[in-house]
PDB file of all heavy atoms in Angstrom:
ATOM      1  N   ARG A   1     -14.429   1.723  -2.701  1.00  0.00           N
ATOM      2  CA  ARG A   1     -13.088   1.169  -2.676  1.00  0.00           C
ATOM      3  C   ARG A   1     -12.022   2.202  -2.909  1.00  0.00           C
ATOM      4  O   ARG A   1     -12.214   3.114  -3.761  1.00  0.00           O
ATOM      5  CB  ARG A   1     -12.959   0.006  -3.659  1.00  0.00           C
ATOM      6  CG  ARG A   1     -11.561  -0.651  -3.500  1.00  0.00           C
ATOM      7  CD  ARG A   1     -11.659  -2.115  -4.144  1.00  0.00           C
ATOM      8  NE  ARG A   1     -12.614  -2.915  -3.472  1.00  0.00           N
ATOM      9  CZ  ARG A   1     -12.342  -3.589  -2.316  1.00  0.00           C
ATOM     10  NH1 ARG A   1     -11.196  -3.485  -1.773  1.00  0.00           N
ATOM     11  NH2 ARG A   1     -13.302  -4.352  -1.764  1.00  0.00           N
ATOM     12  N   VAL A   2     -11.018   2.250  -2.188  1.00  0.00           N
ATOM     13  CA  VAL A   2      -9.824   3.209  -2.260  1.00  0.00           C
ATOM     14  C   VAL A   2      -8.595   2.381  -2.586  1.00  0.00           C
ATOM     15  O   VAL A   2      -8.371   1.421  -1.901  1.00  0.00           O
ATOM     16  CB  VAL A   2      -9.724   4.042  -1.010  1.00  0.00           C
ATOM     17  CG1 VAL A   2      -8.573   5.005  -1.019  1.00  0.00           C
ATOM     18  CG2 VAL A   2     -11.024   4.816  -0.688  1.00  0.00           C
ATOM     19  N   TYR A   3      -7.796   2.934  -3.442  1.00  0.00           N
ATOM     20  CA  TYR A   3      -6.485   2.285  -3.891  1.00  0.00           C
ATOM     21  C   TYR A   3      -5.344   3.175  -3.379  1.00  0.00           C
ATOM     22  O   TYR A   3      -5.298   4.416  -3.615  1.00  0.00           O
ATOM     23  CB  TYR A   3      -6.481   2.008  -5.356  1.00  0.00           C
ATOM     24  CG  TYR A   3      -7.621   1.193  -5.900  1.00  0.00           C
ATOM     25  CD1 TYR A   3      -8.844   1.722  -6.236  1.00  0.00           C
ATOM     26  CD2 TYR A   3      -7.316  -0.131  -6.057  1.00  0.00           C
ATOM     27  CE1 TYR A   3      -9.803   0.873  -6.694  1.00  0.00           C
ATOM     28  CE2 TYR A   3      -8.483  -1.032  -6.475  1.00  0.00           C
ATOM     29  CZ  TYR A   3      -9.643  -0.426  -6.811  1.00  0.00           C
ATOM     30  OH  TYR A   3     -10.661  -1.220  -7.353  1.00  0.00           O
ATOM     31  N   VAL A   4      -4.401   2.516  -2.733  1.00  0.00           N
ATOM     32  CA  VAL A   4      -3.194   3.264  -2.260  1.00  0.00           C
ATOM     33  C   VAL A   4      -2.037   2.598  -2.922  1.00  0.00           C
ATOM     34  O   VAL A   4      -1.814   1.345  -2.902  1.00  0.00           O
ATOM     35  CB  VAL A   4      -3.087   3.141  -0.616  1.00  0.00           C
ATOM     36  CG1 VAL A   4      -1.824   3.896  -0.190  1.00  0.00           C
ATOM     37  CG2 VAL A   4      -4.353   3.641  -0.035  1.00  0.00           C
ATOM     38  N   PHE A   5      -1.117   3.377  -3.420  1.00  0.00           N
ATOM     39  CA  PHE A   5       0.127   2.884  -4.066  1.00  0.00           C
ATOM     40  C   PHE A   5       1.335   3.328  -3.295  1.00  0.00           C
ATOM     41  O   PHE A   5       1.384   4.508  -2.943  1.00  0.00           O
ATOM     42  CB  PHE A   5       0.234   3.303  -5.569  1.00  0.00           C
ATOM     43  CG  PHE A   5      -0.906   2.754  -6.403  1.00  0.00           C
ATOM     44  CD1 PHE A   5      -2.176   3.341  -6.510  1.00  0.00           C
ATOM     45  CD2 PHE A   5      -0.584   1.530  -7.045  1.00  0.00           C
ATOM     46  CE1 PHE A   5      -3.131   2.735  -7.337  1.00  0.00           C
ATOM     47  CE2 PHE A   5      -1.585   0.967  -7.883  1.00  0.00           C
ATOM     48  CZ  PHE A   5      -2.794   1.577  -7.987  1.00  0.00           C
ATOM     49  N   MET A   6       2.245   2.429  -2.996  1.00  0.00           N
ATOM     50  CA  MET A   6       3.505   2.687  -2.251  1.00  0.00           C
ATOM     51  C   MET A   6       4.737   2.405  -3.083  1.00  0.00           C
ATOM     52  O   MET A   6       4.671   1.555  -3.970  1.00  0.00           O
ATOM     53  CB  MET A   6       3.438   1.852  -0.930  1.00  0.00           C
ATOM     54  CG  MET A   6       2.453   1.961   0.014  1.00  0.00           C
ATOM     55  SD  MET A   6       2.578   3.593   0.828  1.00  0.00           S
ATOM     56  CE  MET A   6       1.440   3.424   2.243  1.00  0.00           C
ATOM     57  N   TRP A   7       5.770   3.123  -2.874  1.00  0.00           N
ATOM     58  CA  TRP A   7       7.058   3.053  -3.478  1.00  0.00           C
ATOM     59  C   TRP A   7       7.885   1.931  -3.004  1.00  0.00           C
ATOM     60  O   TRP A   7       8.762   1.484  -3.722  1.00  0.00           O
ATOM     61  CB  TRP A   7       7.793   4.346  -3.500  1.00  0.00           C
ATOM     62  CG  TRP A   7       7.019   5.467  -4.166  1.00  0.00           C
ATOM     63  CD1 TRP A   7       6.257   6.438  -3.559  1.00  0.00           C
ATOM     64  CD2 TRP A   7       7.021   5.762  -5.572  1.00  0.00           C
ATOM     65  NE1 TRP A   7       5.711   7.335  -4.485  1.00  0.00           N
ATOM     66  CE2 TRP A   7       6.213   6.941  -5.752  1.00  0.00           C
ATOM     67  CE3 TRP A   7       7.574   5.218  -6.742  1.00  0.00           C
ATOM     68  CZ2 TRP A   7       6.011   7.497  -6.989  1.00  0.00           C
ATOM     69  CZ3 TRP A   7       7.238   5.727  -7.925  1.00  0.00           C
ATOM     70  CH2 TRP A   7       6.473   6.904  -8.071  1.00  0.00           C
ATOM     71  N   THR A   8       7.720   1.457  -1.840  1.00  0.00           N
ATOM     72  CA  THR A   8       8.447   0.424  -1.177  1.00  0.00           C
ATOM     73  C   THR A   8       7.639  -0.837  -1.238  1.00  0.00           C
ATOM     74  O   THR A   8       6.395  -0.900  -1.204  1.00  0.00           O
ATOM     75  CB  THR A   8       8.809   0.740   0.269  1.00  0.00           C
ATOM     76  OG1 THR A   8       7.674   0.962   1.061  1.00  0.00           O
ATOM     77  CG2 THR A   8       9.754   1.959   0.227  1.00  0.00           C
ATOM     78  N   GLY A   9       8.394  -1.981  -1.330  1.00  0.00           N
ATOM     79  CA  GLY A   9       7.690  -3.314  -1.487  1.00  0.00           C
ATOM     80  C   GLY A   9       7.188  -3.932  -0.261  1.00  0.00           C
ATOM     81  O   GLY A   9       6.565  -5.003  -0.364  1.00  0.00           O
ATOM     82  N   THR A  10       7.409  -3.384   0.918  1.00  0.00           N
ATOM     83  CA  THR A  10       6.916  -3.998   2.182  1.00  0.00           C
ATOM     84  C   THR A  10       6.388  -2.880   3.122  1.00  0.00           C
ATOM     85  O   THR A  10       6.741  -1.742   3.118  1.00  0.00           O
ATOM     86  CB  THR A  10       8.035  -4.819   2.988  1.00  0.00           C
ATOM     87  OG1 THR A  10       9.087  -3.885   3.224  1.00  0.00           O
ATOM     88  CG2 THR A  10       8.566  -5.847   2.012  1.00  0.00           C
ATOM     89  N   ILE A  11       5.516  -3.414   4.067  1.00  0.00           N
ATOM     90  CA  ILE A  11       5.102  -2.542   5.137  1.00  0.00           C
ATOM     91  C   ILE A  11       5.687  -3.240   6.375  1.00  0.00           C
ATOM     92  O   ILE A  11       5.353  -4.352   6.843  1.00  0.00           O
ATOM     93  CB  ILE A  11       3.566  -2.556   5.311  1.00  0.00           C
ATOM     94  CG1 ILE A  11       2.945  -1.858   3.990  1.00  0.00           C
ATOM     95  CG2 ILE A  11       3.156  -1.715   6.499  1.00  0.00           C
ATOM     96  CD1 ILE A  11       1.403  -1.888   3.958  1.00  0.00           C
ATOM     97  N   SER A  12       6.587  -2.563   7.042  1.00  0.00           N
ATOM     98  CA  SER A  12       7.318  -3.118   8.194  1.00  0.00           C
ATOM     99  C   SER A  12       6.392  -3.267   9.422  1.00  0.00           C
ATOM    100  O   SER A  12       5.333  -2.653   9.508  1.00  0.00           O
ATOM    101  CB  SER A  12       8.543  -2.403   8.532  1.00  0.00           C
ATOM    102  OG  SER A  12       8.143  -1.132   9.090  1.00  0.00           O
ATOM    103  N   HIS A  13       6.777  -4.095  10.358  1.00  0.00           N
ATOM    104  CA  HIS A  13       5.968  -4.261  11.609  1.00  0.00           C
ATOM    105  C   HIS A  13       5.990  -2.946  12.424  1.00  0.00           C
ATOM    106  O   HIS A  13       5.181  -2.824  13.353  1.00  0.00           O
ATOM    107  CB  HIS A  13       6.613  -5.392  12.449  1.00  0.00           C
ATOM    108  CG  HIS A  13       7.919  -5.081  13.065  1.00  0.00           C
ATOM    109  ND1 HIS A  13       9.124  -5.018  12.455  1.00  0.00           N
ATOM    110  CD2 HIS A  13       8.321  -4.879  14.363  1.00  0.00           C
ATOM    111  CE1 HIS A  13      10.131  -4.662  13.210  1.00  0.00           C
ATOM    112  NE2 HIS A  13       9.516  -4.570  14.420  1.00  0.00           N
ATOM    113  N   THR A  14       6.918  -2.112  12.158  1.00  0.00           N
ATOM    114  CA  THR A  14       7.010  -0.813  12.968  1.00  0.00           C
ATOM    115  C   THR A  14       6.076   0.328  12.278  1.00  0.00           C
ATOM    116  O   THR A  14       5.998   1.288  12.825  1.00  0.00           O
ATOM    117  CB  THR A  14       8.347  -0.253  12.983  1.00  0.00           C
ATOM    118  OG1 THR A  14       8.977  -0.056  11.705  1.00  0.00           O
ATOM    119  CG2 THR A  14       9.323  -1.263  13.756  1.00  0.00           C
ATOM    120  N   ASP A  15       5.625   0.059  11.041  1.00  0.00           N
ATOM    121  CA  ASP A  15       4.836   1.039  10.304  1.00  0.00           C
ATOM    122  C   ASP A  15       3.394   0.943  10.797  1.00  0.00           C
ATOM    123  O   ASP A  15       2.545   0.298  10.239  1.00  0.00           O
ATOM    124  CB  ASP A  15       4.935   0.745   8.850  1.00  0.00           C
ATOM    125  CG  ASP A  15       4.283   1.908   8.018  1.00  0.00           C
ATOM    126  OD1 ASP A  15       3.555   2.796   8.620  1.00  0.00           O
ATOM    127  OD2 ASP A  15       4.393   1.838   6.720  1.00  0.00           O
ATOM    128  N   VAL A  16       3.131   1.544  11.931  1.00  0.00           N
ATOM    129  CA  VAL A  16       1.793   1.435  12.595  1.00  0.00           C
ATOM    130  C   VAL A  16       0.622   1.933  11.653  1.00  0.00           C
ATOM    131  O   VAL A  16      -0.315   1.284  11.556  1.00  0.00           O
ATOM    132  CB  VAL A  16       1.729   2.194  13.911  1.00  0.00           C
ATOM    133  CG1 VAL A  16       0.342   2.252  14.491  1.00  0.00           C
ATOM    134  CG2 VAL A  16       2.706   1.712  14.826  1.00  0.00           C
ATOM    135  N   TRP A  17       0.842   3.061  11.046  1.00  0.00           N
ATOM    136  CA  TRP A  17      -0.190   3.675  10.315  1.00  0.00           C
ATOM    137  C   TRP A  17      -0.358   3.028   8.822  1.00  0.00           C
ATOM    138  O   TRP A  17      -1.440   3.012   8.244  1.00  0.00           O
ATOM    139  CB  TRP A  17      -0.057   5.208  10.175  1.00  0.00           C
ATOM    140  CG  TRP A  17      -0.222   5.786  11.495  1.00  0.00           C
ATOM    141  CD1 TRP A  17       0.779   6.402  12.267  1.00  0.00           C
ATOM    142  CD2 TRP A  17      -1.384   5.821  12.320  1.00  0.00           C
ATOM    143  NE1 TRP A  17       0.216   6.806  13.374  1.00  0.00           N
ATOM    144  CE2 TRP A  17      -1.066   6.446  13.527  1.00  0.00           C
ATOM    145  CE3 TRP A  17      -2.752   5.351  12.152  1.00  0.00           C
ATOM    146  CZ2 TRP A  17      -2.027   6.661  14.509  1.00  0.00           C
ATOM    147  CZ3 TRP A  17      -3.668   5.554  13.043  1.00  0.00           C
ATOM    148  CH2 TRP A  17      -3.301   6.268  14.263  1.00  0.00           C
ATOM    149  N   GLY A  18       0.829   2.453   8.413  1.00  0.00           N
ATOM    150  CA  GLY A  18       0.728   1.753   7.142  1.00  0.00           C
ATOM    151  C   GLY A  18      -0.230   0.476   7.242  1.00  0.00           C
ATOM    152  O   GLY A  18      -1.062   0.116   6.414  1.00  0.00           O
ATOM    153  N   ARG A  19      -0.004  -0.120   8.385  1.00  0.00           N
ATOM    154  CA  ARG A  19      -0.840  -1.369   8.755  1.00  0.00           C
ATOM    155  C   ARG A  19      -2.224  -0.956   9.031  1.00  0.00           C
ATOM    156  O   ARG A  19      -3.204  -1.738   8.727  1.00  0.00           O
ATOM    157  CB  ARG A  19      -0.203  -2.147   9.940  1.00  0.00           C
ATOM    158  CG  ARG A  19       1.103  -2.909   9.556  1.00  0.00           C
ATOM    159  CD  ARG A  19       1.807  -3.488  10.809  1.00  0.00           C
ATOM    160  NE  ARG A  19       2.906  -4.204  10.295  1.00  0.00           N
ATOM    161  CZ  ARG A  19       2.949  -5.561  10.192  1.00  0.00           C
ATOM    162  NH1 ARG A  19       1.887  -6.329  10.372  1.00  0.00           N
ATOM    163  NH2 ARG A  19       4.087  -6.134   9.727  1.00  0.00           N
ATOM    164  N   TRP A  20      -2.416   0.110   9.619  1.00  0.00           N
ATOM    165  CA  TRP A  20      -3.832   0.664   9.941  1.00  0.00           C
ATOM    166  C   TRP A  20      -4.559   0.836   8.638  1.00  0.00           C
ATOM    167  O   TRP A  20      -5.717   0.517   8.483  1.00  0.00           O
ATOM    168  CB  TRP A  20      -3.761   1.967  10.761  1.00  0.00           C
ATOM    169  CG  TRP A  20      -5.072   2.563  10.888  1.00  0.00           C
ATOM    170  CD1 TRP A  20      -5.537   3.766  10.310  1.00  0.00           C
ATOM    171  CD2 TRP A  20      -6.063   2.206  11.922  1.00  0.00           C
ATOM    172  NE1 TRP A  20      -6.767   4.043  10.757  1.00  0.00           N
ATOM    173  CE2 TRP A  20      -7.186   3.156  11.737  1.00  0.00           C
ATOM    174  CE3 TRP A  20      -6.181   1.237  12.818  1.00  0.00           C
ATOM    175  CZ2 TRP A  20      -8.272   3.109  12.469  1.00  0.00           C
ATOM    176  CZ3 TRP A  20      -7.389   1.142  13.575  1.00  0.00           C
ATOM    177  CH2 TRP A  20      -8.466   2.031  13.406  1.00  0.00           C
ATOM    178  N   ILE A  21      -3.924   1.533   7.624  1.00  0.00           N
ATOM    179  CA  ILE A  21      -4.499   1.792   6.304  1.00  0.00           C
ATOM    180  C   ILE A  21      -4.864   0.514   5.651  1.00  0.00           C
ATOM    181  O   ILE A  21      -5.981   0.235   5.119  1.00  0.00           O
ATOM    182  CB  ILE A  21      -3.562   2.548   5.381  1.00  0.00           C
ATOM    183  CG1 ILE A  21      -3.370   3.865   5.939  1.00  0.00           C
ATOM    184  CG2 ILE A  21      -4.018   2.503   4.015  1.00  0.00           C
ATOM    185  CD1 ILE A  21      -2.369   4.678   5.182  1.00  0.00           C
ATOM    186  N   LEU A  22      -4.055  -0.560   5.839  1.00  0.00           N
ATOM    187  CA  LEU A  22      -4.252  -1.830   5.232  1.00  0.00           C
ATOM    188  C   LEU A  22      -5.472  -2.495   5.747  1.00  0.00           C
ATOM    189  O   LEU A  22      -6.202  -3.261   5.116  1.00  0.00           O
ATOM    190  CB  LEU A  22      -3.073  -2.794   5.440  1.00  0.00           C
ATOM    191  CG  LEU A  22      -2.984  -4.152   4.617  1.00  0.00           C
ATOM    192  CD1 LEU A  22      -3.124  -3.910   3.086  1.00  0.00           C
ATOM    193  CD2 LEU A  22      -1.805  -4.903   5.112  1.00  0.00           C
ATOM    194  N   ASN A  23      -5.753  -2.294   7.087  1.00  0.00           N
ATOM    195  CA  ASN A  23      -6.989  -2.887   7.663  1.00  0.00           C
ATOM    196  C   ASN A  23      -8.239  -2.176   7.552  1.00  0.00           C
ATOM    197  O   ASN A  23      -9.255  -2.556   8.030  1.00  0.00           O
ATOM    198  CB  ASN A  23      -6.565  -3.131   9.184  1.00  0.00           C
ATOM    199  CG  ASN A  23      -5.575  -4.212   9.340  1.00  0.00           C
ATOM    200  OD1 ASN A  23      -5.584  -5.209   8.681  1.00  0.00           O
ATOM    201  ND2 ASN A  23      -4.679  -3.988  10.265  1.00  0.00           N
ATOM    202  N   LEU A  24      -8.159  -0.861   6.918  1.00  0.00           N
ATOM    203  CA  LEU A  24      -9.321  -0.189   6.694  1.00  0.00           C
ATOM    204  C   LEU A  24     -10.270  -0.962   5.806  1.00  0.00           C
ATOM    205  O   LEU A  24      -9.746  -1.474   4.827  1.00  0.00           O
ATOM    206  CB  LEU A  24      -9.103   1.280   6.286  1.00  0.00           C
ATOM    207  CG  LEU A  24      -8.550   2.243   7.264  1.00  0.00           C
ATOM    208  CD1 LEU A  24      -8.048   3.566   6.522  1.00  0.00           C
ATOM    209  CD2 LEU A  24      -9.598   2.574   8.357  1.00  0.00           C
ATOM    210  N   PRO A  25     -11.644  -0.762   5.901  1.00  0.00           N
ATOM    211  CA  PRO A  25     -12.507  -1.490   4.917  1.00  0.00           C
ATOM    212  C   PRO A  25     -12.424  -1.007   3.498  1.00  0.00           C
ATOM    213  O   PRO A  25     -12.349   0.161   3.256  1.00  0.00           O
ATOM    214  CB  PRO A  25     -13.895  -1.222   5.504  1.00  0.00           C
ATOM    215  CG  PRO A  25     -13.803  -0.047   6.378  1.00  0.00           C
ATOM    216  CD  PRO A  25     -12.362  -0.094   6.979  1.00  0.00           C
ATOM    217  N   LYS A  26     -12.390  -1.973   2.592  1.00  0.00           N
ATOM    218  CA  LYS A  26     -12.352  -1.600   1.138  1.00  0.00           C
ATOM    219  C   LYS A  26     -11.170  -0.753   0.688  1.00  0.00           C
ATOM    220  O   LYS A  26     -11.339   0.180   0.067  1.00  0.00           O
ATOM    221  CB  LYS A  26     -13.663  -0.992   0.790  1.00  0.00           C
ATOM    222  CG  LYS A  26     -14.893  -1.925   0.795  1.00  0.00           C
ATOM    223  CD  LYS A  26     -16.100  -1.285   0.086  1.00  0.00           C
ATOM    224  CE  LYS A  26     -17.278  -2.325   0.063  1.00  0.00           C
ATOM    225  NZ  LYS A  26     -18.437  -1.726  -0.582  1.00  0.00           N
ATOM    226  N   VAL A  27      -9.968  -1.109   1.199  1.00  0.00           N
ATOM    227  CA  VAL A  27      -8.770  -0.400   0.944  1.00  0.00           C
ATOM    228  C   VAL A  27      -7.834  -1.415   0.350  1.00  0.00           C
ATOM    229  O   VAL A  27      -7.529  -2.475   0.935  1.00  0.00           O
ATOM    230  CB  VAL A  27      -8.066   0.313   2.073  1.00  0.00           C
ATOM    231  CG1 VAL A  27      -6.751   0.889   1.664  1.00  0.00           C
ATOM    232  CG2 VAL A  27      -8.998   1.468   2.550  1.00  0.00           C
ATOM    233  N   ASP A  28      -7.159  -1.111  -0.862  1.00  0.00           N
ATOM    234  CA  ASP A  28      -6.223  -2.002  -1.456  1.00  0.00           C
ATOM    235  C   ASP A  28      -4.859  -1.281  -1.516  1.00  0.00           C
ATOM    236  O   ASP A  28      -4.941  -0.080  -1.970  1.00  0.00           O
ATOM    237  CB  ASP A  28      -6.667  -2.415  -2.928  1.00  0.00           C
ATOM    238  CG  ASP A  28      -7.789  -3.325  -2.965  1.00  0.00           C
ATOM    239  OD1 ASP A  28      -8.098  -3.964  -1.930  1.00  0.00           O
ATOM    240  OD2 ASP A  28      -8.434  -3.423  -3.988  1.00  0.00           O
ATOM    241  N   ILE A  29      -3.876  -1.828  -1.049  1.00  0.00           N
ATOM    242  CA  ILE A  29      -2.530  -1.257  -1.106  1.00  0.00           C
ATOM    243  C   ILE A  29      -1.662  -1.995  -2.096  1.00  0.00           C
ATOM    244  O   ILE A  29      -1.520  -3.286  -1.982  1.00  0.00           O
ATOM    245  CB  ILE A  29      -1.866  -1.172   0.260  1.00  0.00           C
ATOM    246  CG1 ILE A  29      -2.611  -0.398   1.341  1.00  0.00           C
ATOM    247  CG2 ILE A  29      -0.499  -0.555   0.234  1.00  0.00           C
ATOM    248  CD1 ILE A  29      -2.043  -0.205   2.612  1.00  0.00           C
ATOM    249  N   SER A  30      -1.042  -1.362  -2.982  1.00  0.00           N
ATOM    250  CA  SER A  30      -0.189  -1.994  -4.049  1.00  0.00           C
ATOM    251  C   SER A  30       1.200  -1.359  -4.105  1.00  0.00           C
ATOM    252  O   SER A  30       1.396  -0.173  -3.713  1.00  0.00           O
ATOM    253  CB  SER A  30      -0.923  -1.948  -5.460  1.00  0.00           C
ATOM    254  OG  SER A  30      -2.203  -2.525  -5.372  1.00  0.00           O
ATOM    255  N   LEU A  31       2.076  -2.112  -4.848  1.00  0.00           N
ATOM    256  CA  LEU A  31       3.364  -1.577  -5.059  1.00  0.00           C
ATOM    257  C   LEU A  31       3.433  -0.771  -6.370  1.00  0.00           C
ATOM    258  O   LEU A  31       2.805  -1.291  -7.360  1.00  0.00           O
ATOM    259  CB  LEU A  31       4.395  -2.727  -5.228  1.00  0.00           C
ATOM    260  CG  LEU A  31       5.828  -2.414  -5.616  1.00  0.00           C
ATOM    261  CD1 LEU A  31       6.555  -1.605  -4.520  1.00  0.00           C
ATOM    262  CD2 LEU A  31       6.571  -3.711  -5.785  1.00  0.00           C
ATOM    263  N   VAL A  32       4.072   0.363  -6.419  1.00  0.00           N
ATOM    264  CA  VAL A  32       4.337   1.064  -7.631  1.00  0.00           C
ATOM    265  C   VAL A  32       5.393   0.349  -8.406  1.00  0.00           C
ATOM    266  O   VAL A  32       6.431   0.100  -8.011  1.00  0.00           O
ATOM    267  CB  VAL A  32       4.774   2.534  -7.388  1.00  0.00           C
ATOM    268  CG1 VAL A  32       5.181   3.199  -8.614  1.00  0.00           C
ATOM    269  CG2 VAL A  32       3.702   3.313  -6.704  1.00  0.00           C
ATOM    270  N   ASN A  33       4.937  -0.036  -9.695  1.00  0.00           N
ATOM    271  CA  ASN A  33       5.941  -0.603 -10.627  1.00  0.00           C
ATOM    272  C   ASN A  33       5.824   0.254 -11.922  1.00  0.00           C
ATOM    273  O   ASN A  33       5.007   0.041 -12.824  1.00  0.00           O
ATOM    274  CB  ASN A  33       5.511  -2.039 -10.891  1.00  0.00           C
ATOM    275  CG  ASN A  33       6.591  -2.736 -11.829  1.00  0.00           C
ATOM    276  OD1 ASN A  33       7.181  -2.210 -12.699  1.00  0.00           O
ATOM    277  ND2 ASN A  33       6.827  -4.061 -11.499  1.00  0.00           N
ATOM    278  N   LEU A  34       6.721   1.310 -11.947  1.00  0.00           N
ATOM    279  CA  LEU A  34       6.562   2.244 -13.069  1.00  0.00           C
ATOM    280  C   LEU A  34       6.782   1.642 -14.472  1.00  0.00           C
ATOM    281  O   LEU A  34       6.001   2.062 -15.339  1.00  0.00           O
ATOM    282  CB  LEU A  34       7.615   3.456 -12.786  1.00  0.00           C
ATOM    283  CG  LEU A  34       7.421   4.634 -13.733  1.00  0.00           C
ATOM    284  CD1 LEU A  34       5.919   5.173 -13.601  1.00  0.00           C
ATOM    285  CD2 LEU A  34       8.458   5.677 -13.304  1.00  0.00           C
ATOM    286  N   PRO A  35       7.711   0.736 -14.646  1.00  0.00           N
ATOM    287  CA  PRO A  35       7.806   0.151 -16.017  1.00  0.00           C
ATOM    288  C   PRO A  35       6.527  -0.522 -16.465  1.00  0.00           C
ATOM    289  O   PRO A  35       6.224  -0.450 -17.668  1.00  0.00           O
ATOM    290  CB  PRO A  35       8.924  -0.798 -15.860  1.00  0.00           C
ATOM    291  CG  PRO A  35       9.807  -0.235 -14.729  1.00  0.00           C
ATOM    292  CD  PRO A  35       8.808   0.356 -13.834  1.00  0.00           C
ATOM    293  N   LYS A  36       5.819  -1.214 -15.539  1.00  0.00           N
ATOM    294  CA  LYS A  36       4.576  -1.846 -15.941  1.00  0.00           C
ATOM    295  C   LYS A  36       3.391  -0.858 -16.036  1.00  0.00           C
ATOM    296  O   LYS A  36       2.642  -1.085 -16.943  1.00  0.00           O
ATOM    297  CB  LYS A  36       4.223  -2.952 -14.843  1.00  0.00           C
ATOM    298  CG  LYS A  36       5.045  -4.147 -14.922  1.00  0.00           C
ATOM    299  CD  LYS A  36       4.581  -5.276 -13.889  1.00  0.00           C
ATOM    300  CE  LYS A  36       5.382  -6.560 -14.006  1.00  0.00           C
ATOM    301  NZ  LYS A  36       4.886  -7.540 -12.987  1.00  0.00           N
ATOM    302  N   LEU A  37       3.444   0.157 -15.212  1.00  0.00           N
ATOM    303  CA  LEU A  37       2.369   1.210 -15.247  1.00  0.00           C
ATOM    304  C   LEU A  37       2.363   1.886 -16.523  1.00  0.00           C
ATOM    305  O   LEU A  37       1.315   2.233 -17.103  1.00  0.00           O
ATOM    306  CB  LEU A  37       2.526   2.156 -14.068  1.00  0.00           C
ATOM    307  CG  LEU A  37       1.860   1.864 -12.775  1.00  0.00           C
ATOM    308  CD1 LEU A  37       2.203   2.842 -11.692  1.00  0.00           C
ATOM    309  CD2 LEU A  37       0.424   1.711 -12.893  1.00  0.00           C
ATOM    310  N   VAL A  38       3.700   2.268 -17.045  1.00  0.00           N
ATOM    311  CA  VAL A  38       3.630   3.084 -18.284  1.00  0.00           C
ATOM    312  C   VAL A  38       3.453   2.260 -19.577  1.00  0.00           C
ATOM    313  O   VAL A  38       3.177   2.714 -20.643  1.00  0.00           O
ATOM    314  CB  VAL A  38       5.015   3.849 -18.458  1.00  0.00           C
ATOM    315  CG1 VAL A  38       5.213   4.712 -17.243  1.00  0.00           C
ATOM    316  CG2 VAL A  38       6.221   2.787 -18.538  1.00  0.00           C
TER     317      VAL A  38
END
């Protein structure tokens, strides 16, 4: 499993490779929330 963290809260319909990453097997994409992380 691979985890990907992004600074923006959405993956737009024009973000071809962001959506490609999301559809790769065993990949989780999450939002960075620095106050919660620290």
